[in-house]
């Protein structure tokens, strides 16, 4: 199972939110590129980047910080947050991002999403952010009436690289992931699934590996020292 340390960028700084609430922000570093070097030095082979300002504004905001992270990391980085046009997707990939994560417009404009996936096969991930099984959009500020499973099934027919599923109610709370939601999603689609939200113990990492998810995104737990990234990576490397 792949491990993705999360680097969420707001105002050019590395931060974490609780349950996606912009009013509940903790700053963990003034330089996201330094944070990237830190996680890579501890064994990270890939990173999960989010432009939080971009997600809220509806267009990329922290592109310069993202470019610096990609250059400093030297490992594949996937990026989400505010990518709503083909030009923005292309620019992110040209900046060295390995994969882009599309969420809001994937919900509201499935034909556009399909077209972008066809243009960049294997380089688009569906960002499925949900609360009580419903899809959230616009930086998690709005909750739609669409079922997360329904959107996942629609997206899975395109040549996507996978689906990163975040249970917003668990994100940043370190209360454990929503195992039932991952089991449902894995049963519904054949594309790779990445877990995100609430992961805080090695036992939870082990349980996620058993579910069949391809990878997991870990944030607050490694920033606050509840999990040691080296130990997490060693854990999933054991046959």
Foldseek 3Di string as FASTA:
>chain_A
DAEAEEFEDDPQFGWFAALLDPVRIDTLGNASLVVLLVLVVLPHQEYEYEDLVLLQVLAHDPLVSVLSNQVSNVHAYEYEGNPQDLVRLVVSVVSPHQAYEDEACCVVPVVRVLVSCVVPALRYEYEAEDEPQFGAGSSSPGTDPDGSLVSLLSNQVHRYQYYEYEHSNQAPVLQAFDLVVLLVNVVSHVHAYEYEGNNADLVSLVVVVVSPHPYYYDYPNCSVVSDPSSVSVVSVVPD
